[in-house]
Each structure stands twice: as structure tokens, then as C-alpha cells.
Amino acid sequence: MAVKLGDLLIKAKLVSQDQVDAALKSQREEGGKFGEALVRIGACTEADITETLSQQFGVPSIDLSHFEIDPNIIKIVPGEVARKYGVLPVNKTGATLTIAMGDPTNVFAMDDIKFMTGYNV
């Protein structure tokens, strides 16, 4: 069974159980994702969430402000699709396209982009 984000954040001493409970309540009342609720109530930062999710899913996190992305790579994924899935192509090496995405669990997005572009994602 997968470890929950809240449990990972507690283990890392980034949030308390009370903050997790408050975020769950906020999520039920206002909607959105659990990580967004934690940030909304001020329990932790987006960077804390990003780093923890990166560890949870075994994918690296990147700060796009430090990247200069080739415009030709951006064109590989149509703008409408990139907005729909919240992705940004950042690199292409051979038959592999590396994308930055807000939700690394969205396998539908990766499959759709792989099918659409012909690249391994």
C-alpha cells in the first residue's frame, strides 16, 4: 500500500498531525488536492510538497526558472494538450521526451502524449 503524503510530511517533520487533519477538513470543504490544502492553510510551502511528492513517486523535481527550454521542444506537444494536462516538454534525447508536469501520477497524460508524439515519455 502506498504511503500517504501526509504521513511522509509528518515523518519529515514538515507538518504535524493537527495540520494534516486541518488540511483534510479544508480539502473537504473547499475542494482541491490535499497538498494544495496544506499550502492554503499555511502548514507548509509548495516547495515542501513538491520535494515530498518527488521522493514519493521517485521522479526528480525541477525548478523551471533555472531552465532555458528550446522553443522547438515546446512545439512537440501542442499548447492545448500541454494546458489540458499541465505539462511542459523540457528536453528530448533520441526517442525520449522529458516533460515537467504538475501531477506525476497522471499516467493518462503520459500515455496520451506518448501516443500523440511518438516519443517515450
PDB file of N, CA and C in Angstrom:
ATOM      1  N   MET A   1       0.840  -1.180   0.000  1.00  0.00           N
ATOM      2  CA  MET A   1       0.000   0.000   0.000  1.00  0.00           C
ATOM      3  C   MET A   1       0.888   1.247   0.000  1.00  0.00           C
ATOM      4  N   ALA A   2       0.531   2.235  -0.802  1.00  0.00           N
ATOM      5  CA  ALA A   2       1.324   3.452  -0.918  1.00  0.00           C
ATOM      6  C   ALA A   2       1.258   4.274   0.364  1.00  0.00           C
ATOM      7  N   VAL A   3       2.363   4.912   0.680  1.00  0.00           N
ATOM      8  CA  VAL A   3       2.418   5.790   1.843  1.00  0.00           C
ATOM      9  C   VAL A   3       1.736   7.102   1.480  1.00  0.00           C
ATOM     10  N   LYS A   4       0.927   7.616   2.382  1.00  0.00           N
ATOM     11  CA  LYS A   4       0.189   8.849   2.129  1.00  0.00           C
ATOM     12  C   LYS A   4       1.106  10.057   2.269  1.00  0.00           C
ATOM     13  N   LEU A   5       0.797  11.091   1.485  1.00  0.00           N
ATOM     14  CA  LEU A   5       1.576  12.319   1.502  1.00  0.00           C
ATOM     15  C   LEU A   5       1.648  12.901   2.912  1.00  0.00           C
ATOM     16  N   GLY A   6       0.531  12.943   3.601  1.00  0.00           N
ATOM     17  CA  GLY A   6       0.514  13.492   4.959  1.00  0.00           C
ATOM     18  C   GLY A   6       1.463  12.757   5.881  1.00  0.00           C
ATOM     19  N   ASP A   7       1.494  11.428   5.772  1.00  0.00           N
ATOM     20  CA  ASP A   7       2.395  10.628   6.609  1.00  0.00           C
ATOM     21  C   ASP A   7       3.862  10.936   6.302  1.00  0.00           C
ATOM     22  N   LEU A   8       4.167  11.110   5.018  1.00  0.00           N
ATOM     23  CA  LEU A   8       5.542  11.447   4.638  1.00  0.00           C
ATOM     24  C   LEU A   8       5.945  12.813   5.178  1.00  0.00           C
ATOM     25  N   LEU A   9       5.029  13.773   5.097  1.00  0.00           N
ATOM     26  CA  LEU A   9       5.324  15.117   5.595  1.00  0.00           C
ATOM     27  C   LEU A   9       5.499  15.124   7.110  1.00  0.00           C
ATOM     28  N   ILE A  10       4.695  14.331   7.805  1.00  0.00           N
ATOM     29  CA  ILE A  10       4.839  14.217   9.265  1.00  0.00           C
ATOM     30  C   ILE A  10       6.187  13.582   9.607  1.00  0.00           C
ATOM     31  N   LYS A  11       6.525  12.510   8.904  1.00  0.00           N
ATOM     32  CA  LYS A  11       7.795  11.813   9.151  1.00  0.00           C
ATOM     33  C   LYS A  11       8.985  12.746   8.925  1.00  0.00           C
ATOM     34  N   ALA A  12       8.860  13.630   7.931  1.00  0.00           N
ATOM     35  CA  ALA A  12       9.933  14.589   7.630  1.00  0.00           C
ATOM     36  C   ALA A  12       9.896  15.801   8.562  1.00  0.00           C
ATOM     37  N   LYS A  13       8.933  15.805   9.476  1.00  0.00           N
ATOM     38  CA  LYS A  13       8.754  16.898  10.436  1.00  0.00           C
ATOM     39  C   LYS A  13       8.467  18.236   9.752  1.00  0.00           C
ATOM     40  N   LEU A  14       7.769  18.159   8.620  1.00  0.00           N
ATOM     41  CA  LEU A  14       7.373  19.372   7.904  1.00  0.00           C
ATOM     42  C   LEU A  14       5.992  19.852   8.330  1.00  0.00           C
ATOM     43  N   VAL A  15       5.162  18.923   8.821  1.00  0.00           N
ATOM     44  CA  VAL A  15       3.824  19.263   9.320  1.00  0.00           C
ATOM     45  C   VAL A  15       3.518  18.389  10.535  1.00  0.00           C
ATOM     46  N   SER A  16       2.493  18.792  11.271  1.00  0.00           N
ATOM     47  CA  SER A  16       2.039  17.996  12.420  1.00  0.00           C
ATOM     48  C   SER A  16       0.762  17.246  12.045  1.00  0.00           C
ATOM     49  N   GLN A  17       0.373  16.300  12.877  1.00  0.00           N
ATOM     50  CA  GLN A  17      -0.884  15.580  12.650  1.00  0.00           C
ATOM     51  C   GLN A  17      -2.064  16.548  12.687  1.00  0.00           C
ATOM     52  N   ASP A  18      -2.026  17.537  13.580  1.00  0.00           N
ATOM     53  CA  ASP A  18      -3.104  18.534  13.644  1.00  0.00           C
ATOM     54  C   ASP A  18      -3.220  19.304  12.333  1.00  0.00           C
ATOM     55  N   GLN A  19      -2.081  19.630  11.724  1.00  0.00           N
ATOM     56  CA  GLN A  19      -2.109  20.344  10.446  1.00  0.00           C
ATOM     57  C   GLN A  19      -2.653  19.455   9.332  1.00  0.00           C
ATOM     58  N   VAL A  20      -2.303  18.180   9.346  1.00  0.00           N
ATOM     59  CA  VAL A  20      -2.847  17.239   8.363  1.00  0.00           C
ATOM     60  C   VAL A  20      -4.362  17.164   8.510  1.00  0.00           C
ATOM     61  N   ASP A  21      -4.836  17.055   9.746  1.00  0.00           N
ATOM     62  CA  ASP A  21      -6.281  16.994   9.991  1.00  0.00           C
ATOM     63  C   ASP A  21      -6.977  18.269   9.517  1.00  0.00           C
ATOM     64  N   ALA A  22      -6.357  19.424   9.781  1.00  0.00           N
ATOM     65  CA  ALA A  22      -6.937  20.700   9.351  1.00  0.00           C
ATOM     66  C   ALA A  22      -6.968  20.798   7.829  1.00  0.00           C
ATOM     67  N   ALA A  23      -5.923  20.299   7.181  1.00  0.00           N
ATOM     68  CA  ALA A  23      -5.875  20.329   5.717  1.00  0.00           C
ATOM     69  C   ALA A  23      -6.934  19.406   5.121  1.00  0.00           C
ATOM     70  N   LEU A  24      -7.137  18.243   5.721  1.00  0.00           N
ATOM     71  CA  LEU A  24      -8.181  17.327   5.244  1.00  0.00           C
ATOM     72  C   LEU A  24      -9.558  17.976   5.367  1.00  0.00           C
ATOM     73  N   LYS A  25      -9.785  18.679   6.469  1.00  0.00           N
ATOM     74  CA  LYS A  25     -11.058  19.383   6.659  1.00  0.00           C
ATOM     75  C   LYS A  25     -11.215  20.473   5.599  1.00  0.00           C
ATOM     76  N   SER A  26     -10.153  21.233   5.366  1.00  0.00           N
ATOM     77  CA  SER A  26     -10.179  22.285   4.353  1.00  0.00           C
ATOM     78  C   SER A  26     -10.431  21.698   2.969  1.00  0.00           C
ATOM     79  N   GLN A  27      -9.811  20.563   2.688  1.00  0.00           N
ATOM     80  CA  GLN A  27      -9.989  19.908   1.391  1.00  0.00           C
ATOM     81  C   GLN A  27     -11.437  19.475   1.205  1.00  0.00           C
ATOM     82  N   ARG A  28     -12.045  18.925   2.246  1.00  0.00           N
ATOM     83  CA  ARG A  28     -13.456  18.511   2.158  1.00  0.00           C
ATOM     84  C   ARG A  28     -14.370  19.712   1.915  1.00  0.00           C
ATOM     85  N   GLU A  29     -14.074  20.819   2.569  1.00  0.00           N
ATOM     86  CA  GLU A  29     -14.936  21.998   2.487  1.00  0.00           C
ATOM     87  C   GLU A  29     -14.724  22.813   1.217  1.00  0.00           C
ATOM     88  N   GLU A  30     -13.459  22.935   0.790  1.00  0.00           N
ATOM     89  CA  GLU A  30     -13.143  23.822  -0.325  1.00  0.00           C
ATOM     90  C   GLU A  30     -12.727  23.092  -1.596  1.00  0.00           C
ATOM     91  N   GLY A  31     -12.497  21.789  -1.496  1.00  0.00           N
ATOM     92  CA  GLY A  31     -12.083  21.023  -2.667  1.00  0.00           C
ATOM     93  C   GLY A  31     -10.590  21.154  -2.928  1.00  0.00           C
ATOM     94  N   GLY A  32     -10.177  20.661  -4.074  1.00  0.00           N
ATOM     95  CA  GLY A  32      -8.772  20.709  -4.462  1.00  0.00           C
ATOM     96  C   GLY A  32      -8.002  19.505  -3.961  1.00  0.00           C
ATOM     97  N   LYS A  33      -6.715  19.551  -4.186  1.00  0.00           N
ATOM     98  CA  LYS A  33      -5.835  18.453  -3.794  1.00  0.00           C
ATOM     99  C   LYS A  33      -5.353  18.661  -2.362  1.00  0.00           C
ATOM    100  N   PHE A  34      -4.952  17.576  -1.737  1.00  0.00           N
ATOM    101  CA  PHE A  34      -4.505  17.616  -0.353  1.00  0.00           C
ATOM    102  C   PHE A  34      -3.303  18.550  -0.180  1.00  0.00           C
ATOM    103  N   GLY A  35      -2.330  18.449  -1.070  1.00  0.00           N
ATOM    104  CA  GLY A  35      -1.153  19.320  -0.986  1.00  0.00           C
ATOM    105  C   GLY A  35      -1.527  20.786  -1.091  1.00  0.00           C
ATOM    106  N   GLU A  36      -2.487  21.095  -1.967  1.00  0.00           N
ATOM    107  CA  GLU A  36      -2.955  22.477  -2.098  1.00  0.00           C
ATOM    108  C   GLU A  36      -3.591  22.950  -0.801  1.00  0.00           C
ATOM    109  N   ALA A  37      -4.340  22.061  -0.152  1.00  0.00           N
ATOM    110  CA  ALA A  37      -4.982  22.415   1.119  1.00  0.00           C
ATOM    111  C   ALA A  37      -3.934  22.695   2.192  1.00  0.00           C
ATOM    112  N   LEU A  38      -2.877  21.910   2.237  1.00  0.00           N
ATOM    113  CA  LEU A  38      -1.803  22.147   3.206  1.00  0.00           C
ATOM    114  C   LEU A  38      -1.174  23.523   3.005  1.00  0.00           C
ATOM    115  N   VAL A  39      -0.929  23.879   1.759  1.00  0.00           N
ATOM    116  CA  VAL A  39      -0.348  25.190   1.461  1.00  0.00           C
ATOM    117  C   VAL A  39      -1.353  26.288   1.796  1.00  0.00           C
ATOM    118  N   ARG A  40      -2.616  26.075   1.443  1.00  0.00           N
ATOM    119  CA  ARG A  40      -3.672  27.069   1.680  1.00  0.00           C
ATOM    120  C   ARG A  40      -3.795  27.425   3.161  1.00  0.00           C
ATOM    121  N   ILE A  41      -3.667  26.430   4.036  1.00  0.00           N
ATOM    122  CA  ILE A  41      -3.801  26.708   5.471  1.00  0.00           C
ATOM    123  C   ILE A  41      -2.474  27.142   6.097  1.00  0.00           C
ATOM    124  N   GLY A  42      -1.422  27.207   5.285  1.00  0.00           N
ATOM    125  CA  GLY A  42      -0.133  27.677   5.778  1.00  0.00           C
ATOM    126  C   GLY A  42       0.681  26.635   6.531  1.00  0.00           C
ATOM    127  N   ALA A  43       0.348  25.367   6.355  1.00  0.00           N
ATOM    128  CA  ALA A  43       1.058  24.299   7.070  1.00  0.00           C
ATOM    129  C   ALA A  43       2.458  24.065   6.511  1.00  0.00           C
ATOM    130  N   CYS A  44       2.621  24.266   5.207  1.00  0.00           N
ATOM    131  CA  CYS A  44       3.922  24.072   4.577  1.00  0.00           C
ATOM    132  C   CYS A  44       3.938  24.840   3.261  1.00  0.00           C
ATOM    133  N   THR A  45       5.048  24.772   2.564  1.00  0.00           N
ATOM    134  CA  THR A  45       5.200  25.501   1.306  1.00  0.00           C
ATOM    135  C   THR A  45       4.982  24.576   0.105  1.00  0.00           C
ATOM    136  N   GLU A  46       4.796  25.190  -1.045  1.00  0.00           N
ATOM    137  CA  GLU A  46       4.709  24.403  -2.280  1.00  0.00           C
ATOM    138  C   GLU A  46       5.989  23.608  -2.491  1.00  0.00           C
ATOM    139  N   ALA A  47       7.123  24.210  -2.144  1.00  0.00           N
ATOM    140  CA  ALA A  47       8.409  23.517  -2.307  1.00  0.00           C
ATOM    141  C   ALA A  47       8.461  22.263  -1.435  1.00  0.00           C
ATOM    142  N   ASP A  48       7.911  22.342  -0.216  1.00  0.00           N
ATOM    143  CA  ASP A  48       7.861  21.157   0.651  1.00  0.00           C
ATOM    144  C   ASP A  48       7.044  20.048  -0.004  1.00  0.00           C
ATOM    145  N   ILE A  49       5.896  20.425  -0.561  1.00  0.00           N
ATOM    146  CA  ILE A  49       5.014  19.449  -1.217  1.00  0.00           C
ATOM    147  C   ILE A  49       5.716  18.845  -2.430  1.00  0.00           C
ATOM    148  N   THR A  50       6.306  19.708  -3.253  1.00  0.00           N
ATOM    149  CA  THR A  50       6.971  19.243  -4.470  1.00  0.00           C
ATOM    150  C   THR A  50       8.093  18.263  -4.151  1.00  0.00           C
ATOM    151  N   GLU A  51       8.924  18.607  -3.191  1.00  0.00           N
ATOM    152  CA  GLU A  51      10.047  17.737  -2.833  1.00  0.00           C
ATOM    153  C   GLU A  51       9.561  16.398  -2.277  1.00  0.00           C
ATOM    154  N   THR A  52       8.522  16.442  -1.456  1.00  0.00           N
ATOM    155  CA  THR A  52       7.999  15.206  -0.868  1.00  0.00           C
ATOM    156  C   THR A  52       7.345  14.330  -1.930  1.00  0.00           C
ATOM    157  N   LEU A  53       6.585  14.938  -2.837  1.00  0.00           N
ATOM    158  CA  LEU A  53       5.984  14.173  -3.932  1.00  0.00           C
ATOM    159  C   LEU A  53       7.064  13.578  -4.829  1.00  0.00           C
ATOM    160  N   SER A  54       8.123  14.336  -5.056  1.00  0.00           N
ATOM    161  CA  SER A  54       9.239  13.848  -5.858  1.00  0.00           C
ATOM    162  C   SER A  54       9.818  12.576  -5.250  1.00  0.00           C
ATOM    163  N   GLN A  55       9.999  12.590  -3.934  1.00  0.00           N
ATOM    164  CA  GLN A  55      10.515  11.408  -3.247  1.00  0.00           C
ATOM    165  C   GLN A  55       9.497  10.272  -3.269  1.00  0.00           C
ATOM    166  N   GLN A  56       8.226  10.613  -3.063  1.00  0.00           N
ATOM    167  CA  GLN A  56       7.178   9.592  -3.015  1.00  0.00           C
ATOM    168  C   GLN A  56       7.074   8.828  -4.329  1.00  0.00           C
ATOM    169  N   PHE A  57       7.166   9.546  -5.446  1.00  0.00           N
ATOM    170  CA  PHE A  57       6.973   8.912  -6.747  1.00  0.00           C
ATOM    171  C   PHE A  57       8.275   8.555  -7.453  1.00  0.00           C
ATOM    172  N   GLY A  58       9.396   8.906  -6.846  1.00  0.00           N
ATOM    173  CA  GLY A  58      10.680   8.550  -7.435  1.00  0.00           C
ATOM    174  C   GLY A  58      10.979   9.285  -8.722  1.00  0.00           C
ATOM    175  N   VAL A  59      10.476  10.513  -8.837  1.00  0.00           N
ATOM    176  CA  VAL A  59      10.767  11.333 -10.011  1.00  0.00           C
ATOM    177  C   VAL A  59      11.425  12.622  -9.531  1.00  0.00           C
ATOM    178  N   PRO A  60      12.384  13.127 -10.285  1.00  0.00           N
ATOM    179  CA  PRO A  60      13.055  14.347  -9.835  1.00  0.00           C
ATOM    180  C   PRO A  60      12.137  15.562  -9.940  1.00  0.00           C
ATOM    181  N   SER A  61      12.327  16.495  -9.030  1.00  0.00           N
ATOM    182  CA  SER A  61      11.617  17.770  -9.145  1.00  0.00           C
ATOM    183  C   SER A  61      12.580  18.766  -9.774  1.00  0.00           C
ATOM    184  N   ILE A  62      12.035  19.694 -10.533  1.00  0.00           N
ATOM    185  CA  ILE A  62      12.880  20.703 -11.165  1.00  0.00           C
ATOM    186  C   ILE A  62      12.258  22.072 -10.964  1.00  0.00           C
ATOM    187  N   ASP A  63      13.122  23.066 -10.918  1.00  0.00           N
ATOM    188  CA  ASP A  63      12.691  24.456 -10.847  1.00  0.00           C
ATOM    189  C   ASP A  63      12.822  25.018 -12.258  1.00  0.00           C
ATOM    190  N   LEU A  64      11.695  25.211 -12.911  1.00  0.00           N
ATOM    191  CA  LEU A  64      11.719  25.628 -14.313  1.00  0.00           C
ATOM    192  C   LEU A  64      12.315  27.014 -14.517  1.00  0.00           C
ATOM    193  N   SER A  65      12.412  27.805 -13.459  1.00  0.00           N
ATOM    194  CA  SER A  65      13.002  29.136 -13.609  1.00  0.00           C
ATOM    195  C   SER A  65      14.503  29.047 -13.903  1.00  0.00           C
ATOM    196  N   HIS A  66      15.102  27.889 -13.685  1.00  0.00           N
ATOM    197  CA  HIS A  66      16.524  27.698 -13.960  1.00  0.00           C
ATOM    198  C   HIS A  66      16.772  27.008 -15.302  1.00  0.00           C
ATOM    199  N   PHE A  67      15.725  26.833 -16.095  1.00  0.00           N
ATOM    200  CA  PHE A  67      15.842  26.145 -17.380  1.00  0.00           C
ATOM    201  C   PHE A  67      15.676  27.122 -18.532  1.00  0.00           C
ATOM    202  N   GLU A  68      16.488  26.929 -19.552  1.00  0.00           N
ATOM    203  CA  GLU A  68      16.256  27.612 -20.818  1.00  0.00           C
ATOM    204  C   GLU A  68      15.823  26.515 -21.780  1.00  0.00           C
ATOM    205  N   ILE A  69      14.549  26.556 -22.155  1.00  0.00           N
ATOM    206  CA  ILE A  69      13.974  25.469 -22.941  1.00  0.00           C
ATOM    207  C   ILE A  69      13.940  25.857 -24.412  1.00  0.00           C
ATOM    208  N   ASP A  70      14.418  24.963 -25.239  1.00  0.00           N
ATOM    209  CA  ASP A  70      14.430  25.159 -26.687  1.00  0.00           C
ATOM    210  C   ASP A  70      12.993  25.261 -27.196  1.00  0.00           C
ATOM    211  N   PRO A  71      12.656  26.348 -27.899  1.00  0.00           N
ATOM    212  CA  PRO A  71      11.291  26.505 -28.422  1.00  0.00           C
ATOM    213  C   PRO A  71      10.845  25.353 -29.317  1.00  0.00           C
ATOM    214  N   ASN A  72      11.784  24.702 -29.996  1.00  0.00           N
ATOM    215  CA  ASN A  72      11.424  23.569 -30.854  1.00  0.00           C
ATOM    216  C   ASN A  72      10.940  22.379 -30.031  1.00  0.00           C
ATOM    217  N   ILE A  73      11.443  22.247 -28.808  1.00  0.00           N
ATOM    218  CA  ILE A  73      10.994  21.158 -27.938  1.00  0.00           C
ATOM    219  C   ILE A  73       9.586  21.450 -27.426  1.00  0.00           C
ATOM    220  N   ILE A  74       9.333  22.702 -27.103  1.00  0.00           N
ATOM    221  CA  ILE A  74       7.996  23.078 -26.620  1.00  0.00           C
ATOM    222  C   ILE A  74       6.935  22.760 -27.669  1.00  0.00           C
ATOM    223  N   LYS A  75       7.282  22.943 -28.940  1.00  0.00           N
ATOM    224  CA  LYS A  75       6.323  22.724 -30.032  1.00  0.00           C
ATOM    225  C   LYS A  75       5.943  21.257 -30.220  1.00  0.00           C
ATOM    226  N   ILE A  76       6.704  20.346 -29.627  1.00  0.00           N
ATOM    227  CA  ILE A  76       6.421  18.917 -29.800  1.00  0.00           C
ATOM    228  C   ILE A  76       5.048  18.560 -29.239  1.00  0.00           C
ATOM    229  N   VAL A  77       4.683  19.170 -28.117  1.00  0.00           N
ATOM    230  CA  VAL A  77       3.365  18.931 -27.510  1.00  0.00           C
ATOM    231  C   VAL A  77       2.500  20.155 -27.796  1.00  0.00           C
ATOM    232  N   PRO A  78       1.375  19.978 -28.498  1.00  0.00           N
ATOM    233  CA  PRO A  78       0.510  21.119 -28.804  1.00  0.00           C
ATOM    234  C   PRO A  78       0.092  21.868 -27.531  1.00  0.00           C
ATOM    235  N   GLY A  79       0.004  23.196 -27.642  1.00  0.00           N
ATOM    236  CA  GLY A  79      -0.331  24.036 -26.498  1.00  0.00           C
ATOM    237  C   GLY A  79      -1.594  23.618 -25.779  1.00  0.00           C
ATOM    238  N   GLU A  80      -2.612  23.245 -26.541  1.00  0.00           N
ATOM    239  CA  GLU A  80      -3.887  22.835 -25.938  1.00  0.00           C
ATOM    240  C   GLU A  80      -3.703  21.596 -25.053  1.00  0.00           C
ATOM    241  N   VAL A  81      -2.904  20.655 -25.522  1.00  0.00           N
ATOM    242  CA  VAL A  81      -2.646  19.425 -24.767  1.00  0.00           C
ATOM    243  C   VAL A  81      -1.796  19.741 -23.535  1.00  0.00           C
ATOM    244  N   ALA A  82      -0.799  20.597 -23.704  1.00  0.00           N
ATOM    245  CA  ALA A  82       0.065  20.977 -22.580  1.00  0.00           C
ATOM    246  C   ALA A  82      -0.756  21.632 -21.471  1.00  0.00           C
ATOM    247  N   ARG A  83      -1.677  22.514 -21.839  1.00  0.00           N
ATOM    248  CA  ARG A  83      -2.539  23.167 -20.839  1.00  0.00           C
ATOM    249  C   ARG A  83      -3.498  22.171 -20.201  1.00  0.00           C
ATOM    250  N   LYS A  84      -4.065  21.294 -21.019  1.00  0.00           N
ATOM    251  CA  LYS A  84      -5.026  20.306 -20.509  1.00  0.00           C
ATOM    252  C   LYS A  84      -4.406  19.450 -19.407  1.00  0.00           C
ATOM    253  N   TYR A  85      -3.169  19.019 -19.622  1.00  0.00           N
ATOM    254  CA  TYR A  85      -2.520  18.112 -18.681  1.00  0.00           C
ATOM    255  C   TYR A  85      -1.553  18.816 -17.723  1.00  0.00           C
ATOM    256  N   GLY A  86      -1.333  20.097 -17.916  1.00  0.00           N
ATOM    257  CA  GLY A  86      -0.392  20.811 -17.052  1.00  0.00           C
ATOM    258  C   GLY A  86       1.030  20.310 -17.216  1.00  0.00           C
ATOM    259  N   VAL A  87       1.460  20.178 -18.477  1.00  0.00           N
ATOM    260  CA  VAL A  87       2.800  19.662 -18.760  1.00  0.00           C
ATOM    261  C   VAL A  87       3.591  20.661 -19.594  1.00  0.00           C
ATOM    262  N   LEU A  88       4.913  20.508 -19.551  1.00  0.00           N
ATOM    263  CA  LEU A  88       5.803  21.320 -20.366  1.00  0.00           C
ATOM    264  C   LEU A  88       6.961  20.437 -20.816  1.00  0.00           C
ATOM    265  N   PRO A  89       7.126  20.255 -22.125  1.00  0.00           N
ATOM    266  CA  PRO A  89       8.283  19.494 -22.603  1.00  0.00           C
ATOM    267  C   PRO A  89       9.559  20.278 -22.285  1.00  0.00           C
ATOM    268  N   VAL A  90      10.554  19.616 -21.706  1.00  0.00           N
ATOM    269  CA  VAL A  90      11.776  20.326 -21.330  1.00  0.00           C
ATOM    270  C   VAL A  90      13.032  19.801 -22.020  1.00  0.00           C
ATOM    271  N   ASN A  91      12.983  18.564 -22.529  1.00  0.00           N
ATOM    272  CA  ASN A  91      14.180  18.007 -23.152  1.00  0.00           C
ATOM    273  C   ASN A  91      13.789  16.847 -24.057  1.00  0.00           C
ATOM    274  N   LYS A  92      14.593  16.645 -25.097  1.00  0.00           N
ATOM    275  CA  LYS A  92      14.406  15.498 -25.977  1.00  0.00           C
ATOM    276  C   LYS A  92      15.777  14.895 -26.225  1.00  0.00           C
ATOM    277  N   THR A  93      15.886  13.600 -25.935  1.00  0.00           N
ATOM    278  CA  THR A  93      17.122  12.871 -26.188  1.00  0.00           C
ATOM    279  C   THR A  93      16.751  11.613 -26.954  1.00  0.00           C
ATOM    280  N   GLY A  94      17.136  11.569 -28.217  1.00  0.00           N
ATOM    281  CA  GLY A  94      16.776  10.426 -29.044  1.00  0.00           C
ATOM    282  C   GLY A  94      15.270  10.294 -29.126  1.00  0.00           C
ATOM    283  N   ALA A  95      14.758   9.126 -28.755  1.00  0.00           N
ATOM    284  CA  ALA A  95      13.315   8.865 -28.827  1.00  0.00           C
ATOM    285  C   ALA A  95      12.611   9.145 -27.502  1.00  0.00           C
ATOM    286  N   THR A  96      13.300   9.832 -26.577  1.00  0.00           N
ATOM    287  CA  THR A  96      12.716  10.100 -25.262  1.00  0.00           C
ATOM    288  C   THR A  96      12.450  11.587 -25.084  1.00  0.00           C
ATOM    289  N   LEU A  97      11.222  11.892 -24.700  1.00  0.00           N
ATOM    290  CA  LEU A  97      10.810  13.261 -24.414  1.00  0.00           C
ATOM    291  C   LEU A  97      10.633  13.392 -22.905  1.00  0.00           C
ATOM    292  N   THR A  98      11.343  14.337 -22.311  1.00  0.00           N
ATOM    293  CA  THR A  98      11.210  14.596 -20.876  1.00  0.00           C
ATOM    294  C   THR A  98      10.246  15.754 -20.691  1.00  0.00           C
ATOM    295  N   ILE A  99       9.250  15.534 -19.833  1.00  0.00           N
ATOM    296  CA  ILE A  99       8.267  16.585 -19.576  1.00  0.00           C
ATOM    297  C   ILE A  99       8.239  16.925 -18.091  1.00  0.00           C
ATOM    298  N   ALA A 100       7.987  18.194 -17.817  1.00  0.00           N
ATOM    299  CA  ALA A 100       7.707  18.631 -16.448  1.00  0.00           C
ATOM    300  C   ALA A 100       6.195  18.612 -16.324  1.00  0.00           C
ATOM    301  N   MET A 101       5.704  18.081 -15.201  1.00  0.00           N
ATOM    302  CA  MET A 101       4.255  18.024 -15.029  1.00  0.00           C
ATOM    303  C   MET A 101       3.888  18.233 -13.574  1.00  0.00           C
ATOM    304  N   GLY A 102       2.753  18.860 -13.387  1.00  0.00           N
ATOM    305  CA  GLY A 102       2.283  19.145 -12.044  1.00  0.00           C
ATOM    306  C   GLY A 102       1.816  17.912 -11.306  1.00  0.00           C
ATOM    307  N   ASP A 103       1.364  16.897 -12.045  1.00  0.00           N
ATOM    308  CA  ASP A 103       0.840  15.682 -11.422  1.00  0.00           C
ATOM    309  C   ASP A 103       1.533  14.460 -12.015  1.00  0.00           C
ATOM    310  N   PRO A 104       2.633  14.017 -11.398  1.00  0.00           N
ATOM    311  CA  PRO A 104       3.373  12.885 -11.962  1.00  0.00           C
ATOM    312  C   PRO A 104       2.633  11.557 -11.881  1.00  0.00           C
ATOM    313  N   THR A 105       1.459  11.540 -11.253  1.00  0.00           N
ATOM    314  CA  THR A 105       0.670  10.304 -11.193  1.00  0.00           C
ATOM    315  C   THR A 105      -0.267  10.174 -12.385  1.00  0.00           C
ATOM    316  N   ASN A 106      -0.336  11.200 -13.221  1.00  0.00           N
ATOM    317  CA  ASN A 106      -1.285  11.197 -14.329  1.00  0.00           C
ATOM    318  C   ASN A 106      -0.741  10.379 -15.504  1.00  0.00           C
ATOM    319  N   VAL A 107      -0.931   9.073 -15.420  1.00  0.00           N
ATOM    320  CA  VAL A 107      -0.449   8.191 -16.485  1.00  0.00           C
ATOM    321  C   VAL A 107      -1.236   8.389 -17.776  1.00  0.00           C
ATOM    322  N   PHE A 108      -2.479   8.858 -17.672  1.00  0.00           N
ATOM    323  CA  PHE A 108      -3.266   9.134 -18.874  1.00  0.00           C
ATOM    324  C   PHE A 108      -2.593  10.232 -19.692  1.00  0.00           C
ATOM    325  N   ALA A 109      -2.095  11.254 -19.016  1.00  0.00           N
ATOM    326  CA  ALA A 109      -1.399  12.338 -19.708  1.00  0.00           C
ATOM    327  C   ALA A 109      -0.159  11.802 -20.407  1.00  0.00           C
ATOM    328  N   MET A 110       0.633  11.018 -19.692  1.00  0.00           N
ATOM    329  CA  MET A 110       1.862  10.482 -20.284  1.00  0.00           C
ATOM    330  C   MET A 110       1.552   9.574 -21.469  1.00  0.00           C
ATOM    331  N   ASP A 111       0.540   8.719 -21.327  1.00  0.00           N
ATOM    332  CA  ASP A 111       0.160   7.829 -22.425  1.00  0.00           C
ATOM    333  C   ASP A 111      -0.342   8.614 -23.625  1.00  0.00           C
ATOM    334  N   ASP A 112      -1.156   9.631 -23.378  1.00  0.00           N
ATOM    335  CA  ASP A 112      -1.705  10.448 -24.458  1.00  0.00           C
ATOM    336  C   ASP A 112      -0.580  11.175 -25.198  1.00  0.00           C
ATOM    337  N   ILE A 113       0.348  11.737 -24.447  1.00  0.00           N
ATOM    338  CA  ILE A 113       1.458  12.466 -25.061  1.00  0.00           C
ATOM    339  C   ILE A 113       2.374  11.503 -25.811  1.00  0.00           C
ATOM    340  N   LYS A 114       2.597  10.332 -25.259  1.00  0.00           N
ATOM    341  CA  LYS A 114       3.415   9.319 -25.944  1.00  0.00           C
ATOM    342  C   LYS A 114       2.766   8.927 -27.269  1.00  0.00           C
ATOM    343  N   PHE A 115       1.459   8.676 -27.242  1.00  0.00           N
ATOM    344  CA  PHE A 115       0.735   8.294 -28.457  1.00  0.00           C
ATOM    345  C   PHE A 115       0.759   9.430 -29.478  1.00  0.00           C
ATOM    346  N   MET A 116       0.524  10.640 -29.004  1.00  0.00           N
ATOM    347  CA  MET A 116       0.422  11.808 -29.874  1.00  0.00           C
ATOM    348  C   MET A 116       1.754  12.171 -30.534  1.00  0.00           C
ATOM    349  N   THR A 117       2.855  12.032 -29.775  1.00  0.00           N
ATOM    350  CA  THR A 117       4.150  12.484 -30.277  1.00  0.00           C
ATOM    351  C   THR A 117       5.007  11.368 -30.861  1.00  0.00           C
ATOM    352  N   GLY A 118       4.760  10.129 -30.438  1.00  0.00           N
ATOM    353  CA  GLY A 118       5.598   9.025 -30.870  1.00  0.00           C
ATOM    354  C   GLY A 118       6.875   8.875 -30.054  1.00  0.00           C
ATOM    355  N   TYR A 119       7.044   9.716 -29.039  1.00  0.00           N
ATOM    356  CA  TYR A 119       8.223   9.642 -28.173  1.00  0.00           C
ATOM    357  C   TYR A 119       7.921   8.849 -26.907  1.00  0.00           C
ATOM    358  N   ASN A 120       8.956   8.235 -26.348  1.00  0.00           N
ATOM    359  CA  ASN A 120       8.844   7.684 -24.997  1.00  0.00           C
ATOM    360  C   ASN A 120       8.813   8.872 -24.043  1.00  0.00           C
ATOM    361  N   VAL A 121       7.923   8.817 -23.074  1.00  0.00           N
ATOM    362  CA  VAL A 121       7.785   9.947 -22.146  1.00  0.00           C
ATOM    363  C   VAL A 121       8.240   9.508 -20.774  1.00  0.00           C
TER     364      VAL A 121
END
